[in-house]
């Protein structure tokens, strides 16, 4: 392992410091990201027990989509065509 650069998740660093100098079983994926470190730290278990770990990413996508929707309906040239399409769908 001396020639590999291992990439740990940032929230594991306090727990890994306690294992320095001790033997530990480490599982690594093809991009040198650590998937499991010892019996306690495992990304697969985190995904099963804490499925909302990417909430910031999802919140950013939702906020961006809402901003684009507001800009689409409020900007005059796009808003007019949006209103015409909406009126056509309503049968007017």
PDB file of N, CA and C in Angstrom:
ATOM      1  N   UNK A   1       0.814  -1.208   0.000  1.00  0.00           N
ATOM      2  CA  UNK A   1       0.000   0.000   0.000  1.00  0.00           C
ATOM      3  C   UNK A   1       0.852   1.263   0.000  1.00  0.00           C
ATOM      4  N   UNK A   2       2.129   1.143   0.123  1.00  0.00           N
ATOM      5  CA  UNK A   2       2.983   2.319   0.149  1.00  0.00           C
ATOM      6  C   UNK A   2       3.019   3.055  -1.166  1.00  0.00           C
ATOM      7  N   UNK A   3       2.707   2.369  -2.280  1.00  0.00           N
ATOM      8  CA  UNK A   3       2.766   3.026  -3.583  1.00  0.00           C
ATOM      9  C   UNK A   3       1.405   3.537  -4.029  1.00  0.00           C
ATOM     10  N   UNK A   4       0.341   3.239  -3.297  1.00  0.00           N
ATOM     11  CA  UNK A   4      -1.006   3.674  -3.658  1.00  0.00           C
ATOM     12  C   UNK A   4      -1.389   4.929  -2.883  1.00  0.00           C
ATOM     13  N   UNK A   5      -2.001   5.861  -3.567  1.00  0.00           N
ATOM     14  CA  UNK A   5      -2.588   7.017  -2.889  1.00  0.00           C
ATOM     15  C   UNK A   5      -4.043   6.680  -2.594  1.00  0.00           C
ATOM     16  N   UNK A   6      -4.347   6.470  -1.329  1.00  0.00           N
ATOM     17  CA  UNK A   6      -5.702   6.112  -0.942  1.00  0.00           C
ATOM     18  C   UNK A   6      -6.509   7.370  -0.687  1.00  0.00           C
ATOM     19  N   UNK A   7      -7.730   7.393  -1.168  1.00  0.00           N
ATOM     20  CA  UNK A   7      -8.616   8.538  -0.984  1.00  0.00           C
ATOM     21  C   UNK A   7      -9.748   8.128  -0.049  1.00  0.00           C
ATOM     22  N   UNK A   8      -9.697   8.674   1.159  1.00  0.00           N
ATOM     23  CA  UNK A   8     -10.723   8.393   2.155  1.00  0.00           C
ATOM     24  C   UNK A   8     -11.813   9.456   2.095  1.00  0.00           C
ATOM     25  N   UNK A   9     -13.052   9.110   2.461  1.00  0.00           N
ATOM     26  CA  UNK A   9     -14.080  10.144   2.627  1.00  0.00           C
ATOM     27  C   UNK A   9     -13.670  11.095   3.760  1.00  0.00           C
ATOM     28  N   UNK A  10     -13.986  12.363   3.598  1.00  0.00           N
ATOM     29  CA  UNK A  10     -13.529  13.370   4.563  1.00  0.00           C
ATOM     30  C   UNK A  10     -14.061  13.125   5.972  1.00  0.00           C
ATOM     31  N   UNK A  11     -15.273  12.600   6.078  1.00  0.00           N
ATOM     32  CA  UNK A  11     -15.851  12.419   7.407  1.00  0.00           C
ATOM     33  C   UNK A  11     -15.272  11.204   8.135  1.00  0.00           C
ATOM     34  N   UNK A  12     -14.379  10.457   7.511  1.00  0.00           N
ATOM     35  CA  UNK A  12     -13.735   9.324   8.168  1.00  0.00           C
ATOM     36  C   UNK A  12     -12.437   9.713   8.869  1.00  0.00           C
ATOM     37  N   UNK A  13     -11.865  10.866   8.579  1.00  0.00           N
ATOM     38  CA  UNK A  13     -10.536  11.219   9.087  1.00  0.00           C
ATOM     39  C   UNK A  13     -10.386  11.119  10.605  1.00  0.00           C
ATOM     40  N   UNK A  14     -11.337  11.563  11.427  1.00  0.00           N
ATOM     41  CA  UNK A  14     -11.140  11.408  12.876  1.00  0.00           C
ATOM     42  C   UNK A  14     -11.059   9.947  13.320  1.00  0.00           C
ATOM     43  N   UNK A  15     -11.749   9.061  12.626  1.00  0.00           N
ATOM     44  CA  UNK A  15     -11.753   7.655  13.015  1.00  0.00           C
ATOM     45  C   UNK A  15     -10.506   6.927  12.517  1.00  0.00           C
ATOM     46  N   UNK A  16      -9.972   7.355  11.395  1.00  0.00           N
ATOM     47  CA  UNK A  16      -8.787   6.714  10.840  1.00  0.00           C
ATOM     48  C   UNK A  16      -7.558   7.052  11.683  1.00  0.00           C
ATOM     49  N   UNK A  17      -7.522   8.244  12.262  1.00  0.00           N
ATOM     50  CA  UNK A  17      -6.380   8.640  13.091  1.00  0.00           C
ATOM     51  C   UNK A  17      -6.179   7.687  14.257  1.00  0.00           C
ATOM     52  N   UNK A  18      -7.253   7.081  14.742  1.00  0.00           N
ATOM     53  CA  UNK A  18      -7.149   6.142  15.858  1.00  0.00           C
ATOM     54  C   UNK A  18      -6.544   4.808  15.430  1.00  0.00           C
ATOM     55  N   UNK A  19      -6.594   4.488  14.122  1.00  0.00           N
ATOM     56  CA  UNK A  19      -6.095   3.207  13.621  1.00  0.00           C
ATOM     57  C   UNK A  19      -4.669   3.265  13.090  1.00  0.00           C
ATOM     58  N   UNK A  20      -3.997   4.397  13.196  1.00  0.00           N
ATOM     59  CA  UNK A  20      -2.631   4.506  12.692  1.00  0.00           C
ATOM     60  C   UNK A  20      -1.726   3.586  13.499  1.00  0.00           C
ATOM     61  N   UNK A  21      -0.949   2.787  12.791  1.00  0.00           N
ATOM     62  CA  UNK A  21      -0.027   1.855  13.441  1.00  0.00           C
ATOM     63  C   UNK A  21      -0.641   0.505  13.769  1.00  0.00           C
ATOM     64  N   UNK A  22      -1.915   0.329  13.503  1.00  0.00           N
ATOM     65  CA  UNK A  22      -2.590  -0.944  13.757  1.00  0.00           C
ATOM     66  C   UNK A  22      -2.920  -1.612  12.428  1.00  0.00           C
ATOM     67  N   UNK A  23      -3.102  -2.934  12.471  1.00  0.00           N
ATOM     68  CA  UNK A  23      -3.490  -3.649  11.264  1.00  0.00           C
ATOM     69  C   UNK A  23      -4.981  -3.417  10.993  1.00  0.00           C
ATOM     70  N   UNK A  24      -5.305  -3.217   9.719  1.00  0.00           N
ATOM     71  CA  UNK A  24      -6.697  -3.021   9.329  1.00  0.00           C
ATOM     72  C   UNK A  24      -6.890  -3.578   7.924  1.00  0.00           C
ATOM     73  N   UNK A  25      -8.034  -4.175   7.697  1.00  0.00           N
ATOM     74  CA  UNK A  25      -8.385  -4.664   6.367  1.00  0.00           C
ATOM     75  C   UNK A  25      -8.998  -3.506   5.591  1.00  0.00           C
ATOM     76  N   UNK A  26      -8.449  -3.233   4.414  1.00  0.00           N
ATOM     77  CA  UNK A  26      -8.906  -2.099   3.611  1.00  0.00           C
ATOM     78  C   UNK A  26      -9.360  -2.612   2.252  1.00  0.00           C
ATOM     79  N   UNK A  27     -10.560  -2.209   1.838  1.00  0.00           N
ATOM     80  CA  UNK A  27     -11.052  -2.507   0.491  1.00  0.00           C
ATOM     81  C   UNK A  27     -10.988  -1.227  -0.332  1.00  0.00           C
ATOM     82  N   UNK A  28     -10.450  -1.352  -1.540  1.00  0.00           N
ATOM     83  CA  UNK A  28     -10.252  -0.193  -2.413  1.00  0.00           C
ATOM     84  C   UNK A  28     -10.929  -0.480  -3.752  1.00  0.00           C
ATOM     85  N   UNK A  29     -11.573   0.559  -4.349  1.00  0.00           N
ATOM     86  CA  UNK A  29     -12.160   0.371  -5.678  1.00  0.00           C
ATOM     87  C   UNK A  29     -11.115   0.670  -6.747  1.00  0.00           C
ATOM     88  N   UNK A  30     -11.510   0.673  -8.004  1.00  0.00           N
ATOM     89  CA  UNK A  30     -10.556   0.823  -9.103  1.00  0.00           C
ATOM     90  C   UNK A  30      -9.927   2.210  -9.190  1.00  0.00           C
ATOM     91  N   UNK A  31     -10.506   3.210  -8.523  1.00  0.00           N
ATOM     92  CA  UNK A  31      -9.962   4.569  -8.557  1.00  0.00           C
ATOM     93  C   UNK A  31      -9.273   4.938  -7.253  1.00  0.00           C
ATOM     94  N   UNK A  32      -8.823   3.946  -6.505  1.00  0.00           N
ATOM     95  CA  UNK A  32      -8.101   4.099  -5.238  1.00  0.00           C
ATOM     96  C   UNK A  32      -8.902   4.808  -4.164  1.00  0.00           C
ATOM     97  N   UNK A  33     -10.227   4.718  -4.247  1.00  0.00           N
ATOM     98  CA  UNK A  33     -11.078   5.243  -3.184  1.00  0.00           C
ATOM     99  C   UNK A  33     -11.354   4.120  -2.196  1.00  0.00           C
ATOM    100  N   UNK A  34     -11.208   4.406  -0.931  1.00  0.00           N
ATOM    101  CA  UNK A  34     -11.409   3.391   0.097  1.00  0.00           C
ATOM    102  C   UNK A  34     -12.901   3.163   0.288  1.00  0.00           C
ATOM    103  N   UNK A  35     -13.316   1.912   0.164  1.00  0.00           N
ATOM    104  CA  UNK A  35     -14.719   1.546   0.311  1.00  0.00           C
ATOM    105  C   UNK A  35     -14.988   1.030   1.715  1.00  0.00           C
ATOM    106  N   UNK A  36     -13.987   0.321   2.285  1.00  0.00           N
ATOM    107  CA  UNK A  36     -14.142  -0.197   3.639  1.00  0.00           C
ATOM    108  C   UNK A  36     -12.790  -0.156   4.336  1.00  0.00           C
ATOM    109  N   UNK A  37     -12.806   0.281   5.589  1.00  0.00           N
ATOM    110  CA  UNK A  37     -11.601   0.348   6.404  1.00  0.00           C
ATOM    111  C   UNK A  37     -11.915  -0.332   7.730  1.00  0.00           C
ATOM    112  N   UNK A  38     -11.392  -1.516   7.902  1.00  0.00           N
ATOM    113  CA  UNK A  38     -11.653  -2.252   9.133  1.00  0.00           C
ATOM    114  C   UNK A  38     -13.095  -2.734   9.192  1.00  0.00           C
ATOM    115  N   UNK A  39     -13.519  -3.184  10.360  1.00  0.00           N
ATOM    116  CA  UNK A  39     -14.876  -3.725  10.467  1.00  0.00           C
ATOM    117  C   UNK A  39     -15.963  -2.665  10.631  1.00  0.00           C
ATOM    118  N   UNK A  40     -15.586  -1.438  10.967  1.00  0.00           N
ATOM    119  CA  UNK A  40     -16.604  -0.440  11.296  1.00  0.00           C
ATOM    120  C   UNK A  40     -16.888   0.569  10.192  1.00  0.00           C
ATOM    121  N   UNK A  41     -15.886   0.979   9.453  1.00  0.00           N
ATOM    122  CA  UNK A  41     -16.070   2.020   8.434  1.00  0.00           C
ATOM    123  C   UNK A  41     -16.338   1.375   7.076  1.00  0.00           C
ATOM    124  N   UNK A  42     -17.560   1.544   6.562  1.00  0.00           N
ATOM    125  CA  UNK A  42     -17.936   0.956   5.291  1.00  0.00           C
ATOM    126  C   UNK A  42     -18.907   1.890   4.571  1.00  0.00           C
ATOM    127  N   UNK A  43     -18.584   2.239   3.323  1.00  0.00           N
ATOM    128  CA  UNK A  43     -19.465   3.120   2.552  1.00  0.00           C
ATOM    129  C   UNK A  43     -20.777   2.439   2.197  1.00  0.00           C
ATOM    130  N   UNK A  44     -20.755   1.135   1.968  1.00  0.00           N
ATOM    131  CA  UNK A  44     -22.004   0.439   1.637  1.00  0.00           C
ATOM    132  C   UNK A  44     -22.967   0.451   2.808  1.00  0.00           C
ATOM    133  N   UNK A  45     -22.454   0.321   4.027  1.00  0.00           N
ATOM    134  CA  UNK A  45     -23.326   0.399   5.200  1.00  0.00           C
ATOM    135  C   UNK A  45     -23.850   1.815   5.403  1.00  0.00           C
ATOM    136  N   UNK A  46     -23.025   2.828   5.104  1.00  0.00           N
ATOM    137  CA  UNK A  46     -23.481   4.215   5.232  1.00  0.00           C
ATOM    138  C   UNK A  46     -24.620   4.514   4.271  1.00  0.00           C
ATOM    139  N   UNK A  47     -24.521   4.012   3.050  1.00  0.00           N
ATOM    140  CA  UNK A  47     -25.564   4.260   2.059  1.00  0.00           C
ATOM    141  C   UNK A  47     -26.862   3.586   2.480  1.00  0.00           C
ATOM    142  N   UNK A  48     -26.768   2.399   3.076  1.00  0.00           N
ATOM    143  CA  UNK A  48     -27.972   1.700   3.519  1.00  0.00           C
ATOM    144  C   UNK A  48     -28.612   2.380   4.729  1.00  0.00           C
ATOM    145  N   UNK A  49     -27.797   2.821   5.677  1.00  0.00           N
ATOM    146  CA  UNK A  49     -28.333   3.381   6.924  1.00  0.00           C
ATOM    147  C   UNK A  49     -28.608   4.878   6.841  1.00  0.00           C
ATOM    148  N   UNK A  50     -27.862   5.605   6.007  1.00  0.00           N
ATOM    149  CA  UNK A  50     -28.018   7.057   5.885  1.00  0.00           C
ATOM    150  C   UNK A  50     -28.158   7.423   4.406  1.00  0.00           C
ATOM    151  N   UNK A  51     -29.331   7.208   3.796  1.00  0.00           N
ATOM    152  CA  UNK A  51     -29.468   7.417   2.348  1.00  0.00           C
ATOM    153  C   UNK A  51     -29.512   8.873   1.916  1.00  0.00           C
ATOM    154  N   UNK A  52     -29.584   9.818   2.815  1.00  0.00           N
ATOM    155  CA  UNK A  52     -29.717  11.229   2.437  1.00  0.00           C
ATOM    156  C   UNK A  52     -28.396  11.971   2.532  1.00  0.00           C
ATOM    157  N   UNK A  53     -27.283  11.295   2.272  1.00  0.00           N
ATOM    158  CA  UNK A  53     -25.998  11.960   2.424  1.00  0.00           C
ATOM    159  C   UNK A  53     -25.714  12.977   1.324  1.00  0.00           C
ATOM    160  N   UNK A  54     -26.399  12.888   0.188  1.00  0.00           N
ATOM    161  CA  UNK A  54     -26.178  13.839  -0.903  1.00  0.00           C
ATOM    162  C   UNK A  54     -27.252  14.917  -0.932  1.00  0.00           C
ATOM    163  N   UNK A  55     -27.742  15.354   0.220  1.00  0.00           N
ATOM    164  CA  UNK A  55     -28.846  16.309   0.257  1.00  0.00           C
ATOM    165  C   UNK A  55     -28.429  17.671  -0.287  1.00  0.00           C
ATOM    166  N   UNK A  56     -27.177  18.047  -0.149  1.00  0.00           N
ATOM    167  CA  UNK A  56     -26.745  19.348  -0.679  1.00  0.00           C
ATOM    168  C   UNK A  56     -26.835  19.366  -2.198  1.00  0.00           C
ATOM    169  N   UNK A  57     -26.410  18.287  -2.809  1.00  0.00           N
ATOM    170  CA  UNK A  57     -26.474  18.187  -4.267  1.00  0.00           C
ATOM    171  C   UNK A  57     -27.921  18.239  -4.731  1.00  0.00           C
ATOM    172  N   UNK A  58     -28.795  17.506  -4.083  1.00  0.00           N
ATOM    173  CA  UNK A  58     -30.212  17.492  -4.458  1.00  0.00           C
ATOM    174  C   UNK A  58     -30.854  18.853  -4.222  1.00  0.00           C
ATOM    175  N   UNK A  59     -30.491  19.522  -3.137  1.00  0.00           N
ATOM    176  CA  UNK A  59     -31.033  20.845  -2.848  1.00  0.00           C
ATOM    177  C   UNK A  59     -30.574  21.860  -3.890  1.00  0.00           C
ATOM    178  N   UNK A  60     -29.337  21.773  -4.318  1.00  0.00           N
ATOM    179  CA  UNK A  60     -28.821  22.673  -5.347  1.00  0.00           C
ATOM    180  C   UNK A  60     -29.563  22.465  -6.665  1.00  0.00           C
ATOM    181  N   UNK A  61     -29.793  21.208  -7.041  1.00  0.00           N
ATOM    182  CA  UNK A  61     -30.538  20.936  -8.270  1.00  0.00           C
ATOM    183  C   UNK A  61     -31.970  21.449  -8.182  1.00  0.00           C
ATOM    184  N   UNK A  62     -32.629  21.257  -7.043  1.00  0.00           N
ATOM    185  CA  UNK A  62     -34.005  21.717  -6.882  1.00  0.00           C
ATOM    186  C   UNK A  62     -34.078  23.240  -6.914  1.00  0.00           C
ATOM    187  N   UNK A  63     -33.143  23.906  -6.237  1.00  0.00           N
ATOM    188  CA  UNK A  63     -33.144  25.374  -6.224  1.00  0.00           C
ATOM    189  C   UNK A  63     -32.859  25.930  -7.618  1.00  0.00           C
ATOM    190  N   UNK A  64     -31.924  25.315  -8.344  1.00  0.00           N
ATOM    191  CA  UNK A  64     -31.631  25.754  -9.705  1.00  0.00           C
ATOM    192  C   UNK A  64     -32.819  25.563 -10.631  1.00  0.00           C
ATOM    193  N   UNK A  65     -33.515  24.439 -10.497  1.00  0.00           N
ATOM    194  CA  UNK A  65     -34.697  24.183 -11.322  1.00  0.00           C
ATOM    195  C   UNK A  65     -35.804  25.183 -11.018  1.00  0.00           C
ATOM    196  N   UNK A  66     -35.999  25.489  -9.749  1.00  0.00           N
ATOM    197  CA  UNK A  66     -37.014  26.467  -9.367  1.00  0.00           C
ATOM    198  C   UNK A  66     -36.659  27.854  -9.893  1.00  0.00           C
ATOM    199  N   UNK A  67     -35.386  28.219  -9.821  1.00  0.00           N
ATOM    200  CA  UNK A  67     -34.952  29.514 -10.344  1.00  0.00           C
ATOM    201  C   UNK A  67     -35.185  29.606 -11.850  1.00  0.00           C
ATOM    202  N   UNK A  68     -34.877  28.558 -12.566  1.00  0.00           N
ATOM    203  CA  UNK A  68     -35.103  28.555 -14.022  1.00  0.00           C
ATOM    204  C   UNK A  68     -36.586  28.630 -14.342  1.00  0.00           C
ATOM    205  N   UNK A  69     -37.422  27.940 -13.578  1.00  0.00           N
ATOM    206  CA  UNK A  69     -38.864  28.009 -13.800  1.00  0.00           C
ATOM    207  C   UNK A  69     -39.398  29.418 -13.551  1.00  0.00           C
ATOM    208  N   UNK A  70     -38.927  30.065 -12.493  1.00  0.00           N
ATOM    209  CA  UNK A  70     -39.358  31.440 -12.198  1.00  0.00           C
ATOM    210  C   UNK A  70     -38.878  32.392 -13.282  1.00  0.00           C
ATOM    211  N   UNK A  71     -37.635  32.223 -13.734  1.00  0.00           N
ATOM    212  CA  UNK A  71     -37.117  33.089 -14.794  1.00  0.00           C
ATOM    213  C   UNK A  71     -37.874  32.868 -16.100  1.00  0.00           C
ATOM    214  N   UNK A  72     -38.248  31.642 -16.393  1.00  0.00           N
ATOM    215  CA  UNK A  72     -38.970  31.339 -17.624  1.00  0.00           C
ATOM    216  C   UNK A  72     -40.343  31.989 -17.635  1.00  0.00           C
ATOM    217  N   UNK A  73     -41.033  31.948 -16.517  1.00  0.00           N
ATOM    218  CA  UNK A  73     -42.383  32.518 -16.482  1.00  0.00           C
ATOM    219  C   UNK A  73     -42.376  34.030 -16.321  1.00  0.00           C
ATOM    220  N   UNK A  74     -41.309  34.597 -15.775  1.00  0.00           N
ATOM    221  CA  UNK A  74     -41.311  36.040 -15.545  1.00  0.00           C
ATOM    222  C   UNK A  74     -40.662  36.839 -16.678  1.00  0.00           C
ATOM    223  N   UNK A  75     -39.782  36.261 -17.447  1.00  0.00           N
ATOM    224  CA  UNK A  75     -39.135  36.972 -18.551  1.00  0.00           C
ATOM    225  C   UNK A  75     -40.145  37.132 -19.672  1.00  0.00           C
ATOM    226  N   UNK A  76     -40.335  38.325 -20.150  1.00  0.00           N
ATOM    227  CA  UNK A  76     -41.456  38.668 -21.033  1.00  0.00           C
ATOM    228  C   UNK A  76     -41.544  37.820 -22.303  1.00  0.00           C
ATOM    229  N   UNK A  77     -40.526  37.733 -23.146  1.00  0.00           N
ATOM    230  CA  UNK A  77     -40.697  36.954 -24.381  1.00  0.00           C
ATOM    231  C   UNK A  77     -40.984  35.472 -24.112  1.00  0.00           C
ATOM    232  N   UNK A  78     -40.319  34.890 -23.142  1.00  0.00           N
ATOM    233  CA  UNK A  78     -40.550  33.483 -22.827  1.00  0.00           C
ATOM    234  C   UNK A  78     -41.851  33.317 -22.073  1.00  0.00           C
ATOM    235  N   UNK A  79     -42.177  34.270 -21.207  1.00  0.00           N
ATOM    236  CA  UNK A  79     -43.411  34.186 -20.441  1.00  0.00           C
ATOM    237  C   UNK A  79     -44.643  34.246 -21.319  1.00  0.00           C
ATOM    238  N   UNK A  80     -44.593  35.049 -22.391  1.00  0.00           N
ATOM    239  CA  UNK A  80     -45.737  35.162 -23.301  1.00  0.00           C
ATOM    240  C   UNK A  80     -45.959  33.837 -24.020  1.00  0.00           C
ATOM    241  N   UNK A  81     -44.880  33.243 -24.525  1.00  0.00           N
ATOM    242  CA  UNK A  81     -45.040  31.964 -25.216  1.00  0.00           C
ATOM    243  C   UNK A  81     -45.468  30.870 -24.246  1.00  0.00           C
ATOM    244  N   UNK A  82     -45.014  30.954 -23.016  1.00  0.00           N
ATOM    245  CA  UNK A  82     -45.446  29.982 -21.998  1.00  0.00           C
ATOM    246  C   UNK A  82     -46.937  30.140 -21.720  1.00  0.00           C
ATOM    247  N   UNK A  83     -47.414  31.386 -21.624  1.00  0.00           N
ATOM    248  CA  UNK A  83     -48.839  31.633 -21.380  1.00  0.00           C
ATOM    249  C   UNK A  83     -49.688  31.202 -22.571  1.00  0.00           C
ATOM    250  N   UNK A  84     -49.190  31.403 -23.786  1.00  0.00           N
ATOM    251  CA  UNK A  84     -49.934  30.968 -24.977  1.00  0.00           C
ATOM    252  C   UNK A  84     -50.028  29.437 -25.000  1.00  0.00           C
ATOM    253  N   UNK A  85     -48.930  28.769 -24.701  1.00  0.00           N
ATOM    254  CA  UNK A  85     -48.956  27.306 -24.672  1.00  0.00           C
ATOM    255  C   UNK A  85     -49.874  26.790 -23.587  1.00  0.00           C
ATOM    256  N   UNK A  86     -49.883  27.456 -22.434  1.00  0.00           N
ATOM    257  CA  UNK A  86     -50.761  27.062 -21.334  1.00  0.00           C
ATOM    258  C   UNK A  86     -52.229  27.286 -21.711  1.00  0.00           C
ATOM    259  N   UNK A  87     -52.538  28.401 -22.379  1.00  0.00           N
ATOM    260  CA  UNK A  87     -53.906  28.669 -22.822  1.00  0.00           C
ATOM    261  C   UNK A  87     -54.351  27.652 -23.865  1.00  0.00           C
ATOM    262  N   UNK A  88     -53.426  27.266 -24.733  1.00  0.00           N
ATOM    263  CA  UNK A  88     -53.752  26.259 -25.758  1.00  0.00           C
ATOM    264  C   UNK A  88     -54.063  24.912 -25.113  1.00  0.00           C
ATOM    265  N   UNK A  89     -53.331  24.563 -24.060  1.00  0.00           N
ATOM    266  CA  UNK A  89     -53.601  23.312 -23.350  1.00  0.00           C
ATOM    267  C   UNK A  89     -54.942  23.336 -22.633  1.00  0.00           C
ATOM    268  N   UNK A  90     -55.364  24.519 -22.177  1.00  0.00           N
ATOM    269  CA  UNK A  90     -56.636  24.643 -21.486  1.00  0.00           C
ATOM    270  C   UNK A  90     -57.806  24.742 -22.459  1.00  0.00           C
ATOM    271  N   UNK A  91     -57.538  24.865 -23.750  1.00  0.00           N
ATOM    272  CA  UNK A  91     -58.601  24.875 -24.752  1.00  0.00           C
ATOM    273  C   UNK A  91     -59.116  26.261 -25.082  1.00  0.00           C
ATOM    274  N   UNK A  92     -58.428  27.300 -24.715  1.00  0.00           N
ATOM    275  CA  UNK A  92     -58.872  28.657 -25.029  1.00  0.00           C
ATOM    276  C   UNK A  92     -58.339  29.123 -26.367  1.00  0.00           C
TER     277      UNK A  92
END
